[in-house]
Amino acid sequence: GKLIFPKADHDVRVRIEGEGGFGVRVRSAADGVAGWAVRFENGALNLVQLPNTPVVGRDVPAGGRHELEVSVRGARVTARLDGALFLGGSVDPGSAGVAGIEADAGAWLGRVSICR
């Protein structure tokens, strides 16, 4: 499932605590179908071109709860896991902006904060 917060069309930072497969959509079409996401899944943290094409990723510690922070500044995306910088990339600056939370079946989500 996903929860979309529209109108995050400028710089945005999303912080989410979770366990299992979860992620953040950071730049997307208004319908949330196309665009970009950072996903924590299958032992890796990936910058994904939606719907499901990993662009860059890094292996991550398996199991347990983690805090994922995703920041978008212009066309630059950075992702921190448990406070450590894990990956960065760039997205199309012309795409519409939304922030959204993703969670796979069985995932646990805790604290969520969205800032500009």
PDB file of N, CA and C in Angstrom:
ATOM      1  N   GLY A   1       0.823  -1.181   0.000  1.00  0.00           N
ATOM      2  CA  GLY A   1       0.000   0.000   0.000  1.00  0.00           C
ATOM      3  C   GLY A   1       0.863   1.240   0.000  1.00  0.00           C
ATOM      4  N   LYS A   2       0.214   2.393  -0.196  1.00  0.00           N
ATOM      5  CA  LYS A   2       0.961   3.641  -0.176  1.00  0.00           C
ATOM      6  C   LYS A   2       0.075   4.755   0.354  1.00  0.00           C
ATOM      7  N   LEU A   3       0.716   5.741   0.931  1.00  0.00           N
ATOM      8  CA  LEU A   3       0.046   6.923   1.445  1.00  0.00           C
ATOM      9  C   LEU A   3       0.733   8.106   0.795  1.00  0.00           C
ATOM     10  N   ILE A   4      -0.015   8.898   0.040  1.00  0.00           N
ATOM     11  CA  ILE A   4       0.565  10.000  -0.727  1.00  0.00           C
ATOM     12  C   ILE A   4       0.224  11.341  -0.070  1.00  0.00           C
ATOM     13  N   PHE A   5       1.237  12.190   0.060  1.00  0.00           N
ATOM     14  CA  PHE A   5       1.059  13.542   0.564  1.00  0.00           C
ATOM     15  C   PHE A   5       1.302  14.494  -0.596  1.00  0.00           C
ATOM     16  N   PRO A   6       0.269  15.032  -1.216  1.00  0.00           N
ATOM     17  CA  PRO A   6       0.482  15.873  -2.400  1.00  0.00           C
ATOM     18  C   PRO A   6       1.057  17.240  -2.044  1.00  0.00           C
ATOM     19  N   LYS A   7       1.515  17.926  -3.091  1.00  0.00           N
ATOM     20  CA  LYS A   7       1.983  19.305  -3.015  1.00  0.00           C
ATOM     21  C   LYS A   7       3.309  19.465  -2.289  1.00  0.00           C
ATOM     22  N   ALA A   8       4.108  18.402  -2.187  1.00  0.00           N
ATOM     23  CA  ALA A   8       5.475  18.563  -1.692  1.00  0.00           C
ATOM     24  C   ALA A   8       6.357  18.853  -2.898  1.00  0.00           C
ATOM     25  N   ASP A   9       6.063  19.979  -3.548  1.00  0.00           N
ATOM     26  CA  ASP A   9       6.666  20.238  -4.852  1.00  0.00           C
ATOM     27  C   ASP A   9       7.922  21.098  -4.778  1.00  0.00           C
ATOM     28  N   HIS A  10       8.491  21.227  -3.602  1.00  0.00           N
ATOM     29  CA  HIS A  10       9.770  21.905  -3.427  1.00  0.00           C
ATOM     30  C   HIS A  10      10.687  20.966  -2.666  1.00  0.00           C
ATOM     31  N   ASP A  11      11.765  21.470  -2.110  1.00  0.00           N
ATOM     32  CA  ASP A  11      12.649  20.633  -1.310  1.00  0.00           C
ATOM     33  C   ASP A  11      11.859  19.997  -0.166  1.00  0.00           C
ATOM     34  N   VAL A  12      12.165  18.745   0.104  1.00  0.00           N
ATOM     35  CA  VAL A  12      11.415  18.035   1.136  1.00  0.00           C
ATOM     36  C   VAL A  12      12.320  17.005   1.797  1.00  0.00           C
ATOM     37  N   ARG A  13      12.061  16.740   3.070  1.00  0.00           N
ATOM     38  CA  ARG A  13      12.769  15.690   3.791  1.00  0.00           C
ATOM     39  C   ARG A  13      11.733  14.813   4.481  1.00  0.00           C
ATOM     40  N   VAL A  14      11.863  13.514   4.284  1.00  0.00           N
ATOM     41  CA  VAL A  14      10.948  12.556   4.899  1.00  0.00           C
ATOM     42  C   VAL A  14      11.764  11.617   5.765  1.00  0.00           C
ATOM     43  N   ARG A  15      11.355  11.460   7.016  1.00  0.00           N
ATOM     44  CA  ARG A  15      12.012  10.525   7.927  1.00  0.00           C
ATOM     45  C   ARG A  15      10.971   9.518   8.398  1.00  0.00           C
ATOM     46  N   ILE A  16      11.316   8.233   8.307  1.00  0.00           N
ATOM     47  CA  ILE A  16      10.368   7.192   8.685  1.00  0.00           C
ATOM     48  C   ILE A  16      11.100   6.061   9.388  1.00  0.00           C
ATOM     49  N   GLU A  17      10.514   5.570  10.455  1.00  0.00           N
ATOM     50  CA  GLU A  17      11.038   4.414  11.163  1.00  0.00           C
ATOM     51  C   GLU A  17      10.241   3.200  10.722  1.00  0.00           C
ATOM     52  N   GLY A  18      10.929   2.111  10.380  1.00  0.00           N
ATOM     53  CA  GLY A  18      10.196   0.959   9.895  1.00  0.00           C
ATOM     54  C   GLY A  18      10.961  -0.334  10.010  1.00  0.00           C
ATOM     55  N   GLU A  19      10.243  -1.406   9.701  1.00  0.00           N
ATOM     56  CA  GLU A  19      10.802  -2.744   9.720  1.00  0.00           C
ATOM     57  C   GLU A  19      10.162  -3.517   8.581  1.00  0.00           C
ATOM     58  N   GLY A  20      10.950  -4.349   7.904  1.00  0.00           N
ATOM     59  CA  GLY A  20      10.442  -5.045   6.727  1.00  0.00           C
ATOM     60  C   GLY A  20      10.670  -4.197   5.486  1.00  0.00           C
ATOM     61  N   GLY A  21       9.879  -4.409   4.437  1.00  0.00           N
ATOM     62  CA  GLY A  21      10.021  -3.638   3.211  1.00  0.00           C
ATOM     63  C   GLY A  21       9.194  -2.364   3.261  1.00  0.00           C
ATOM     64  N   PHE A  22       9.854  -1.204   3.110  1.00  0.00           N
ATOM     65  CA  PHE A  22       9.129   0.070   3.110  1.00  0.00           C
ATOM     66  C   PHE A  22       9.938   1.082   2.321  1.00  0.00           C
ATOM     67  N   GLY A  23       9.336   2.228   2.037  1.00  0.00           N
ATOM     68  CA  GLY A  23      10.047   3.220   1.251  1.00  0.00           C
ATOM     69  C   GLY A  23       9.350   4.546   1.204  1.00  0.00           C
ATOM     70  N   VAL A  24       9.961   5.472   0.477  1.00  0.00           N
ATOM     71  CA  VAL A  24       9.476   6.839   0.341  1.00  0.00           C
ATOM     72  C   VAL A  24       9.463   7.206  -1.133  1.00  0.00           C
ATOM     73  N   ARG A  25       8.327   7.670  -1.634  1.00  0.00           N
ATOM     74  CA  ARG A  25       8.261   8.245  -2.981  1.00  0.00           C
ATOM     75  C   ARG A  25       8.618   9.717  -2.852  1.00  0.00           C
ATOM     76  N   VAL A  26       9.600  10.151  -3.614  1.00  0.00           N
ATOM     77  CA  VAL A  26      10.123  11.500  -3.421  1.00  0.00           C
ATOM     78  C   VAL A  26       9.816  12.462  -4.550  1.00  0.00           C
ATOM     79  N   ARG A  27       9.715  11.990  -5.768  1.00  0.00           N
ATOM     80  CA  ARG A  27       9.285  12.814  -6.897  1.00  0.00           C
ATOM     81  C   ARG A  27       8.446  11.912  -7.765  1.00  0.00           C
ATOM     82  N   SER A  28       7.285  12.372  -8.143  1.00  0.00           N
ATOM     83  CA  SER A  28       6.373  11.464  -8.815  1.00  0.00           C
ATOM     84  C   SER A  28       5.345  12.240  -9.599  1.00  0.00           C
ATOM     85  N   ALA A  29       4.663  11.548 -10.468  1.00  0.00           N
ATOM     86  CA  ALA A  29       3.483  12.129 -11.084  1.00  0.00           C
ATOM     87  C   ALA A  29       2.426  12.300 -10.001  1.00  0.00           C
ATOM     88  N   ALA A  30       1.484  13.163 -10.232  1.00  0.00           N
ATOM     89  CA  ALA A  30       0.465  13.450  -9.231  1.00  0.00           C
ATOM     90  C   ALA A  30      -0.318  12.198  -8.831  1.00  0.00           C
ATOM     91  N   ASP A  31      -0.425  11.222  -9.742  1.00  0.00           N
ATOM     92  CA  ASP A  31      -1.155  10.000  -9.413  1.00  0.00           C
ATOM     93  C   ASP A  31      -0.302   9.002  -8.646  1.00  0.00           C
ATOM     94  N   GLY A  32       0.996   9.306  -8.448  1.00  0.00           N
ATOM     95  CA  GLY A  32       1.866   8.438  -7.678  1.00  0.00           C
ATOM     96  C   GLY A  32       2.330   7.194  -8.412  1.00  0.00           C
ATOM     97  N   VAL A  33       2.035   7.090  -9.713  1.00  0.00           N
ATOM     98  CA  VAL A  33       2.372   5.871 -10.454  1.00  0.00           C
ATOM     99  C   VAL A  33       3.764   5.949 -11.052  1.00  0.00           C
ATOM    100  N   ALA A  34       4.112   7.075 -11.675  1.00  0.00           N
ATOM    101  CA  ALA A  34       5.430   7.247 -12.287  1.00  0.00           C
ATOM    102  C   ALA A  34       6.282   8.122 -11.384  1.00  0.00           C
ATOM    103  N   GLY A  35       7.602   8.073 -11.585  1.00  0.00           N
ATOM    104  CA  GLY A  35       8.484   8.943 -10.822  1.00  0.00           C
ATOM    105  C   GLY A  35       9.586   8.160 -10.142  1.00  0.00           C
ATOM    106  N   TRP A  36       9.871   8.503  -8.862  1.00  0.00           N
ATOM    107  CA  TRP A  36      11.036   7.991  -8.150  1.00  0.00           C
ATOM    108  C   TRP A  36      10.685   7.607  -6.726  1.00  0.00           C
ATOM    109  N   ALA A  37      11.435   6.651  -6.189  1.00  0.00           N
ATOM    110  CA  ALA A  37      11.261   6.254  -4.798  1.00  0.00           C
ATOM    111  C   ALA A  37      12.590   5.776  -4.248  1.00  0.00           C
ATOM    112  N   VAL A  38      12.737   5.838  -2.928  1.00  0.00           N
ATOM    113  CA  VAL A  38      13.831   5.171  -2.229  1.00  0.00           C
ATOM    114  C   VAL A  38      13.192   4.040  -1.433  1.00  0.00           C
ATOM    115  N   ARG A  39      13.677   2.818  -1.661  1.00  0.00           N
ATOM    116  CA  ARG A  39      13.058   1.641  -1.054  1.00  0.00           C
ATOM    117  C   ARG A  39      14.075   0.825  -0.268  1.00  0.00           C
ATOM    118  N   PHE A  40      13.636   0.413   0.912  1.00  0.00           N
ATOM    119  CA  PHE A  40      14.398  -0.488   1.772  1.00  0.00           C
ATOM    120  C   PHE A  40      13.757  -1.862   1.607  1.00  0.00           C
ATOM    121  N   GLU A  41      14.459  -2.784   0.906  1.00  0.00           N
ATOM    122  CA  GLU A  41      13.855  -4.085   0.619  1.00  0.00           C
ATOM    123  C   GLU A  41      14.920  -5.095   0.233  1.00  0.00           C
ATOM    124  N   ASN A  42      14.659  -6.349   0.548  1.00  0.00           N
ATOM    125  CA  ASN A  42      15.500  -7.468   0.118  1.00  0.00           C
ATOM    126  C   ASN A  42      16.991  -7.244   0.385  1.00  0.00           C
ATOM    127  N   GLY A  43      17.305  -6.706   1.561  1.00  0.00           N
ATOM    128  CA  GLY A  43      18.699  -6.527   1.935  1.00  0.00           C
ATOM    129  C   GLY A  43      19.425  -5.408   1.223  1.00  0.00           C
ATOM    130  N   ALA A  44      18.678  -4.466   0.646  1.00  0.00           N
ATOM    131  CA  ALA A  44      19.306  -3.353  -0.057  1.00  0.00           C
ATOM    132  C   ALA A  44      18.472  -2.087   0.099  1.00  0.00           C
ATOM    133  N   LEU A  45      19.138  -0.943  -0.021  1.00  0.00           N
ATOM    134  CA  LEU A  45      18.478   0.350  -0.088  1.00  0.00           C
ATOM    135  C   LEU A  45      18.656   0.840  -1.514  1.00  0.00           C
ATOM    136  N   ASN A  46      17.556   1.054  -2.222  1.00  0.00           N
ATOM    137  CA  ASN A  46      17.597   1.354  -3.654  1.00  0.00           C
ATOM    138  C   ASN A  46      16.913   2.663  -3.990  1.00  0.00           C
ATOM    139  N   LEU A  47      17.523   3.427  -4.910  1.00  0.00           N
ATOM    140  CA  LEU A  47      16.832   4.520  -5.583  1.00  0.00           C
ATOM    141  C   LEU A  47      16.181   3.890  -6.812  1.00  0.00           C
ATOM    142  N   VAL A  48      14.875   3.994  -6.906  1.00  0.00           N
ATOM    143  CA  VAL A  48      14.097   3.251  -7.897  1.00  0.00           C
ATOM    144  C   VAL A  48      13.363   4.216  -8.808  1.00  0.00           C
ATOM    145  N   GLN A  49      13.447   3.969 -10.105  1.00  0.00           N
ATOM    146  CA  GLN A  49      12.565   4.671 -11.035  1.00  0.00           C
ATOM    147  C   GLN A  49      11.279   3.871 -11.093  1.00  0.00           C
ATOM    148  N   LEU A  50      10.179   4.510 -10.707  1.00  0.00           N
ATOM    149  CA  LEU A  50       8.898   3.800 -10.645  1.00  0.00           C
ATOM    150  C   LEU A  50       8.432   3.397 -12.036  1.00  0.00           C
ATOM    151  N   PRO A  51       7.757   2.256 -12.161  1.00  0.00           N
ATOM    152  CA  PRO A  51       7.244   1.494 -11.035  1.00  0.00           C
ATOM    153  C   PRO A  51       8.250   0.593 -10.334  1.00  0.00           C
ATOM    154  N   ASN A  52       9.326   0.108 -10.999  1.00  0.00           N
ATOM    155  CA  ASN A  52      10.156  -0.870 -10.301  1.00  0.00           C
ATOM    156  C   ASN A  52      11.510  -1.087 -10.963  1.00  0.00           C
ATOM    157  N   THR A  53      12.239  -0.008 -11.283  1.00  0.00           N
ATOM    158  CA  THR A  53      13.552  -0.149 -11.922  1.00  0.00           C
ATOM    159  C   THR A  53      14.625   0.444 -11.007  1.00  0.00           C
ATOM    160  N   PRO A  54      15.389  -0.400 -10.278  1.00  0.00           N
ATOM    161  CA  PRO A  54      16.464   0.130  -9.436  1.00  0.00           C
ATOM    162  C   PRO A  54      17.508   0.850 -10.282  1.00  0.00           C
ATOM    163  N   VAL A  55      17.912   2.052  -9.833  1.00  0.00           N
ATOM    164  CA  VAL A  55      18.906   2.854 -10.548  1.00  0.00           C
ATOM    165  C   VAL A  55      20.249   2.780  -9.834  1.00  0.00           C
ATOM    166  N   VAL A  56      20.233   2.899  -8.525  1.00  0.00           N
ATOM    167  CA  VAL A  56      21.450   2.769  -7.723  1.00  0.00           C
ATOM    168  C   VAL A  56      21.031   2.179  -6.385  1.00  0.00           C
ATOM    169  N   GLY A  57      21.891   1.367  -5.798  1.00  0.00           N
ATOM    170  CA  GLY A  57      21.546   0.758  -4.521  1.00  0.00           C
ATOM    171  C   GLY A  57      22.772   0.341  -3.748  1.00  0.00           C
ATOM    172  N   ARG A  58      22.554   0.041  -2.462  1.00  0.00           N
ATOM    173  CA  ARG A  58      23.613  -0.454  -1.584  1.00  0.00           C
ATOM    174  C   ARG A  58      23.028  -1.495  -0.663  1.00  0.00           C
ATOM    175  N   ASP A  59      23.835  -2.493  -0.344  1.00  0.00           N
ATOM    176  CA  ASP A  59      23.426  -3.500   0.630  1.00  0.00           C
ATOM    177  C   ASP A  59      23.285  -2.843   1.999  1.00  0.00           C
ATOM    178  N   VAL A  60      22.347  -3.347   2.793  1.00  0.00           N
ATOM    179  CA  VAL A  60      22.078  -2.775   4.107  1.00  0.00           C
ATOM    180  C   VAL A  60      22.046  -3.893   5.147  1.00  0.00           C
ATOM    181  N   PRO A  61      22.220  -3.529   6.431  1.00  0.00           N
ATOM    182  CA  PRO A  61      22.111  -4.550   7.474  1.00  0.00           C
ATOM    183  C   PRO A  61      20.727  -5.188   7.466  1.00  0.00           C
ATOM    184  N   ALA A  62      20.677  -6.486   7.586  1.00  0.00           N
ATOM    185  CA  ALA A  62      19.396  -7.197   7.521  1.00  0.00           C
ATOM    186  C   ALA A  62      18.708  -7.194   8.875  1.00  0.00           C
ATOM    187  N   GLY A  63      17.376  -7.232   8.836  1.00  0.00           N
ATOM    188  CA  GLY A  63      16.575  -7.420  10.039  1.00  0.00           C
ATOM    189  C   GLY A  63      16.514  -6.213  10.945  1.00  0.00           C
ATOM    190  N   GLY A  64      15.527  -6.227  11.834  1.00  0.00           N
ATOM    191  CA  GLY A  64      15.378  -5.183  12.833  1.00  0.00           C
ATOM    192  C   GLY A  64      14.757  -3.916  12.286  1.00  0.00           C
ATOM    193  N   ARG A  65      14.559  -2.968  13.185  1.00  0.00           N
ATOM    194  CA  ARG A  65      13.974  -1.678  12.815  1.00  0.00           C
ATOM    195  C   ARG A  65      15.062  -0.719  12.390  1.00  0.00           C
ATOM    196  N   HIS A  66      14.710   0.103  11.406  1.00  0.00           N
ATOM    197  CA  HIS A  66      15.653   1.080  10.880  1.00  0.00           C
ATOM    198  C   HIS A  66      14.959   2.419  10.698  1.00  0.00           C
ATOM    199  N   GLU A  67      15.760   3.491  10.694  1.00  0.00           N
ATOM    200  CA  GLU A  67      15.244   4.818  10.390  1.00  0.00           C
ATOM    201  C   GLU A  67      15.800   5.256   9.049  1.00  0.00           C
ATOM    202  N   LEU A  68      14.892   5.544   8.127  1.00  0.00           N
ATOM    203  CA  LEU A  68      15.241   5.980   6.783  1.00  0.00           C
ATOM    204  C   LEU A  68      14.915   7.456   6.653  1.00  0.00           C
ATOM    205  N   GLU A  69      15.893   8.252   6.219  1.00  0.00           N
ATOM    206  CA  GLU A  69      15.668   9.675   5.960  1.00  0.00           C
ATOM    207  C   GLU A  69      16.006   9.958   4.503  1.00  0.00           C
ATOM    208  N   VAL A  70      15.039  10.492   3.777  1.00  0.00           N
ATOM    209  CA  VAL A  70      15.212  10.807   2.366  1.00  0.00           C
ATOM    210  C   VAL A  70      15.038  12.305   2.189  1.00  0.00           C
ATOM    211  N   SER A  71      16.028  12.958   1.555  1.00  0.00           N
ATOM    212  CA  SER A  71      15.965  14.397   1.309  1.00  0.00           C
ATOM    213  C   SER A  71      16.026  14.660  -0.187  1.00  0.00           C
ATOM    214  N   VAL A  72      15.212  15.596  -0.638  1.00  0.00           N
ATOM    215  CA  VAL A  72      15.247  16.053  -2.023  1.00  0.00           C
ATOM    216  C   VAL A  72      15.582  17.534  -2.005  1.00  0.00           C
ATOM    217  N   ARG A  73      16.666  17.896  -2.679  1.00  0.00           N
ATOM    218  CA  ARG A  73      17.079  19.294  -2.825  1.00  0.00           C
ATOM    219  C   ARG A  73      17.255  19.547  -4.310  1.00  0.00           C
ATOM    220  N   GLY A  74      16.312  20.233  -4.908  1.00  0.00           N
ATOM    221  CA  GLY A  74      16.352  20.409  -6.352  1.00  0.00           C
ATOM    222  C   GLY A  74      16.187  19.064  -7.029  1.00  0.00           C
ATOM    223  N   ALA A  75      17.177  18.661  -7.817  1.00  0.00           N
ATOM    224  CA  ALA A  75      17.113  17.367  -8.495  1.00  0.00           C
ATOM    225  C   ALA A  75      17.946  16.305  -7.778  1.00  0.00           C
ATOM    226  N   ARG A  76      18.486  16.633  -6.608  1.00  0.00           N
ATOM    227  CA  ARG A  76      19.372  15.723  -5.885  1.00  0.00           C
ATOM    228  C   ARG A  76      18.623  15.003  -4.767  1.00  0.00           C
ATOM    229  N   VAL A  77      18.752  13.687  -4.740  1.00  0.00           N
ATOM    230  CA  VAL A  77      18.150  12.867  -3.693  1.00  0.00           C
ATOM    231  C   VAL A  77      19.252  12.226  -2.877  1.00  0.00           C
ATOM    232  N   THR A  78      19.158  12.302  -1.558  1.00  0.00           N
ATOM    233  CA  THR A  78      20.076  11.575  -0.687  1.00  0.00           C
ATOM    234  C   THR A  78      19.258  10.737   0.284  1.00  0.00           C
ATOM    235  N   ALA A  79      19.807   9.589   0.665  1.00  0.00           N
ATOM    236  CA  ALA A  79      19.134   8.696   1.601  1.00  0.00           C
ATOM    237  C   ALA A  79      20.099   8.321   2.716  1.00  0.00           C
ATOM    238  N   ARG A  80      19.649   8.502   3.949  1.00  0.00           N
ATOM    239  CA  ARG A  80      20.423   8.103   5.123  1.00  0.00           C
ATOM    240  C   ARG A  80      19.675   6.974   5.815  1.00  0.00           C
ATOM    241  N   LEU A  81      20.425   5.971   6.224  1.00  0.00           N
ATOM    242  CA  LEU A  81      19.853   4.865   6.981  1.00  0.00           C
ATOM    243  C   LEU A  81      20.496   4.858   8.351  1.00  0.00           C
ATOM    244  N   ASP A  82      19.678   4.985   9.392  1.00  0.00           N
ATOM    245  CA  ASP A  82      20.160   5.029  10.771  1.00  0.00           C
ATOM    246  C   ASP A  82      21.235   6.098  10.945  1.00  0.00           C
ATOM    247  N   GLY A  83      21.065   7.228  10.262  1.00  0.00           N
ATOM    248  CA  GLY A  83      21.946   8.371  10.415  1.00  0.00           C
ATOM    249  C   GLY A  83      23.150   8.383   9.498  1.00  0.00           C
ATOM    250  N   ALA A  84      23.425   7.273   8.805  1.00  0.00           N
ATOM    251  CA  ALA A  84      24.596   7.207   7.923  1.00  0.00           C
ATOM    252  C   ALA A  84      24.168   7.397   6.473  1.00  0.00           C
ATOM    253  N   LEU A  85      24.944   8.186   5.728  1.00  0.00           N
ATOM    254  CA  LEU A  85      24.638   8.418   4.325  1.00  0.00           C
ATOM    255  C   LEU A  85      24.856   7.123   3.547  1.00  0.00           C
ATOM    256  N   PHE A  86      23.808   6.665   2.884  1.00  0.00           N
ATOM    257  CA  PHE A  86      23.894   5.404   2.163  1.00  0.00           C
ATOM    258  C   PHE A  86      23.938   5.575   0.663  1.00  0.00           C
ATOM    259  N   LEU A  87      23.160   6.490   0.115  1.00  0.00           N
ATOM    260  CA  LEU A  87      23.219   6.661  -1.331  1.00  0.00           C
ATOM    261  C   LEU A  87      22.695   8.024  -1.708  1.00  0.00           C
ATOM    262  N   GLY A  88      23.043   8.429  -2.915  1.00  0.00           N
ATOM    263  CA  GLY A  88      22.552   9.676  -3.477  1.00  0.00           C
ATOM    264  C   GLY A  88      22.363   9.497  -4.968  1.00  0.00           C
ATOM    265  N   GLY A  89      21.529  10.323  -5.531  1.00  0.00           N
ATOM    266  CA  GLY A  89      21.280  10.257  -6.961  1.00  0.00           C
ATOM    267  C   GLY A  89      20.572  11.507  -7.415  1.00  0.00           C
ATOM    268  N   SER A  90      20.180  11.528  -8.655  1.00  0.00           N
ATOM    269  CA  SER A  90      19.466  12.691  -9.167  1.00  0.00           C
ATOM    270  C   SER A  90      18.189  12.231  -9.846  1.00  0.00           C
ATOM    271  N   VAL A  91      17.196  13.111  -9.803  1.00  0.00           N
ATOM    272  CA  VAL A  91      15.908  12.851 -10.426  1.00  0.00           C
ATOM    273  C   VAL A  91      15.577  14.001 -11.354  1.00  0.00           C
ATOM    274  N   ASP A  92      14.613  13.804 -12.200  1.00  0.00           N
ATOM    275  CA  ASP A  92      14.193  14.829 -13.155  1.00  0.00           C
ATOM    276  C   ASP A  92      13.622  16.022 -12.407  1.00  0.00           C
ATOM    277  N   PRO A  93      14.262  17.183 -12.470  1.00  0.00           N
ATOM    278  CA  PRO A  93      13.760  18.336 -11.721  1.00  0.00           C
ATOM    279  C   PRO A  93      12.422  18.840 -12.251  1.00  0.00           C
ATOM    280  N   GLY A  94      12.071  18.433 -13.471  1.00  0.00           N
ATOM    281  CA  GLY A  94      10.809  18.884 -14.046  1.00  0.00           C
ATOM    282  C   GLY A  94       9.613  18.063 -13.637  1.00  0.00           C
ATOM    283  N   SER A  95       9.832  16.952 -12.910  1.00  0.00           N
ATOM    284  CA  SER A  95       8.703  16.110 -12.521  1.00  0.00           C
ATOM    285  C   SER A  95       7.911  16.780 -11.409  1.00  0.00           C
ATOM    286  N   ALA A  96       6.637  16.488 -11.372  1.00  0.00           N
ATOM    287  CA  ALA A  96       5.785  17.021 -10.307  1.00  0.00           C
ATOM    288  C   ALA A  96       6.233  16.443  -8.984  1.00  0.00           C
ATOM    289  N   GLY A  97       5.928  17.111  -7.892  1.00  0.00           N
ATOM    290  CA  GLY A  97       6.413  16.651  -6.604  1.00  0.00           C
ATOM    291  C   GLY A  97       5.317  16.119  -5.708  1.00  0.00           C
ATOM    292  N   VAL A  98       5.536  14.944  -5.172  1.00  0.00           N
ATOM    293  CA  VAL A  98       4.737  14.460  -4.058  1.00  0.00           C
ATOM    294  C   VAL A  98       5.676  13.733  -3.113  1.00  0.00           C
ATOM    295  N   ALA A  99       5.286  13.610  -1.878  1.00  0.00           N
ATOM    296  CA  ALA A  99       5.978  12.735  -0.936  1.00  0.00           C
ATOM    297  C   ALA A  99       4.994  11.648  -0.568  1.00  0.00           C
ATOM    298  N   GLY A 100       5.442  10.423  -0.537  1.00  0.00           N
ATOM    299  CA  GLY A 100       4.553   9.314  -0.214  1.00  0.00           C
ATOM    300  C   GLY A 100       5.283   8.247   0.566  1.00  0.00           C
ATOM    301  N   ILE A 101       4.554   7.505   1.367  1.00  0.00           N
ATOM    302  CA  ILE A 101       5.105   6.423   2.159  1.00  0.00           C
ATOM    303  C   ILE A 101       4.632   5.100   1.570  1.00  0.00           C
ATOM    304  N   GLU A 102       5.551   4.170   1.370  1.00  0.00           N
ATOM    305  CA  GLU A 102       5.220   2.844   0.872  1.00  0.00           C
ATOM    306  C   GLU A 102       5.468   1.814   1.967  1.00  0.00           C
ATOM    307  N   ALA A 103       4.702   0.736   1.957  1.00  0.00           N
ATOM    308  CA  ALA A 103       4.944  -0.367   2.878  1.00  0.00           C
ATOM    309  C   ALA A 103       4.501  -1.672   2.239  1.00  0.00           C
ATOM    310  N   ASP A 104       5.401  -2.664   2.263  1.00  0.00           N
ATOM    311  CA  ASP A 104       5.046  -3.994   1.788  1.00  0.00           C
ATOM    312  C   ASP A 104       4.172  -4.689   2.829  1.00  0.00           C
ATOM    313  N   ALA A 105       3.499  -5.741   2.405  1.00  0.00           N
ATOM    314  CA  ALA A 105       2.679  -6.528   3.328  1.00  0.00           C
ATOM    315  C   ALA A 105       3.550  -7.032   4.468  1.00  0.00           C
ATOM    316  N   GLY A 106       3.077  -6.866   5.691  1.00  0.00           N
ATOM    317  CA  GLY A 106       3.805  -7.328   6.864  1.00  0.00           C
ATOM    318  C   GLY A 106       4.815  -6.344   7.415  1.00  0.00           C
ATOM    319  N   ALA A 107       5.021  -5.210   6.736  1.00  0.00           N
ATOM    320  CA  ALA A 107       5.971  -4.215   7.232  1.00  0.00           C
ATOM    321  C   ALA A 107       5.393  -3.506   8.451  1.00  0.00           C
ATOM    322  N   TRP A 108       6.286  -3.023   9.310  1.00  0.00           N
ATOM    323  CA  TRP A 108       5.892  -2.217  10.459  1.00  0.00           C
ATOM    324  C   TRP A 108       6.409  -0.807  10.239  1.00  0.00           C
ATOM    325  N   LEU A 109       5.535   0.168  10.418  1.00  0.00           N
ATOM    326  CA  LEU A 109       5.922   1.574  10.300  1.00  0.00           C
ATOM    327  C   LEU A 109       5.658   2.275  11.617  1.00  0.00           C
ATOM    328  N   GLY A 110       6.631   3.082  12.022  1.00  0.00           N
ATOM    329  CA  GLY A 110       6.497   3.829  13.260  1.00  0.00           C
ATOM    330  C   GLY A 110       6.441   5.314  12.996  1.00  0.00           C
ATOM    331  N   ARG A 111       7.336   6.080  13.628  1.00  0.00           N
ATOM    332  CA  ARG A 111       7.323   7.533  13.506  1.00  0.00           C
ATOM    333  C   ARG A 111       7.596   7.972  12.068  1.00  0.00           C
ATOM    334  N   VAL A 112       6.824   8.959  11.645  1.00  0.00           N
ATOM    335  CA  VAL A 112       6.998   9.539  10.305  1.00  0.00           C
ATOM    336  C   VAL A 112       7.020  11.047  10.458  1.00  0.00           C
ATOM    337  N   SER A 113       7.977  11.723   9.802  1.00  0.00           N
ATOM    338  CA  SER A 113       7.965  13.177   9.774  1.00  0.00           C
ATOM    339  C   SER A 113       8.288  13.640   8.365  1.00  0.00           C
ATOM    340  N   ILE A 114       7.599  14.709   7.936  1.00  0.00           N
ATOM    341  CA  ILE A 114       7.806  15.292   6.619  1.00  0.00           C
ATOM    342  C   ILE A 114       8.050  16.776   6.812  1.00  0.00           C
ATOM    343  N   CYS A 115       9.212  17.251   6.329  1.00  0.00           N
ATOM    344  CA  CYS A 115       9.593  18.649   6.503  1.00  0.00           C
ATOM    345  C   CYS A 115       9.969  19.232   5.158  1.00  0.00           C
ATOM    346  N   ARG A 116       9.898  20.573   5.063  1.00  0.00           N
ATOM    347  CA  ARG A 116      10.384  21.269   3.861  1.00  0.00           C
ATOM    348  C   ARG A 116      11.665  21.980   4.181  1.00  0.00           C
TER     349      ARG A 116
END
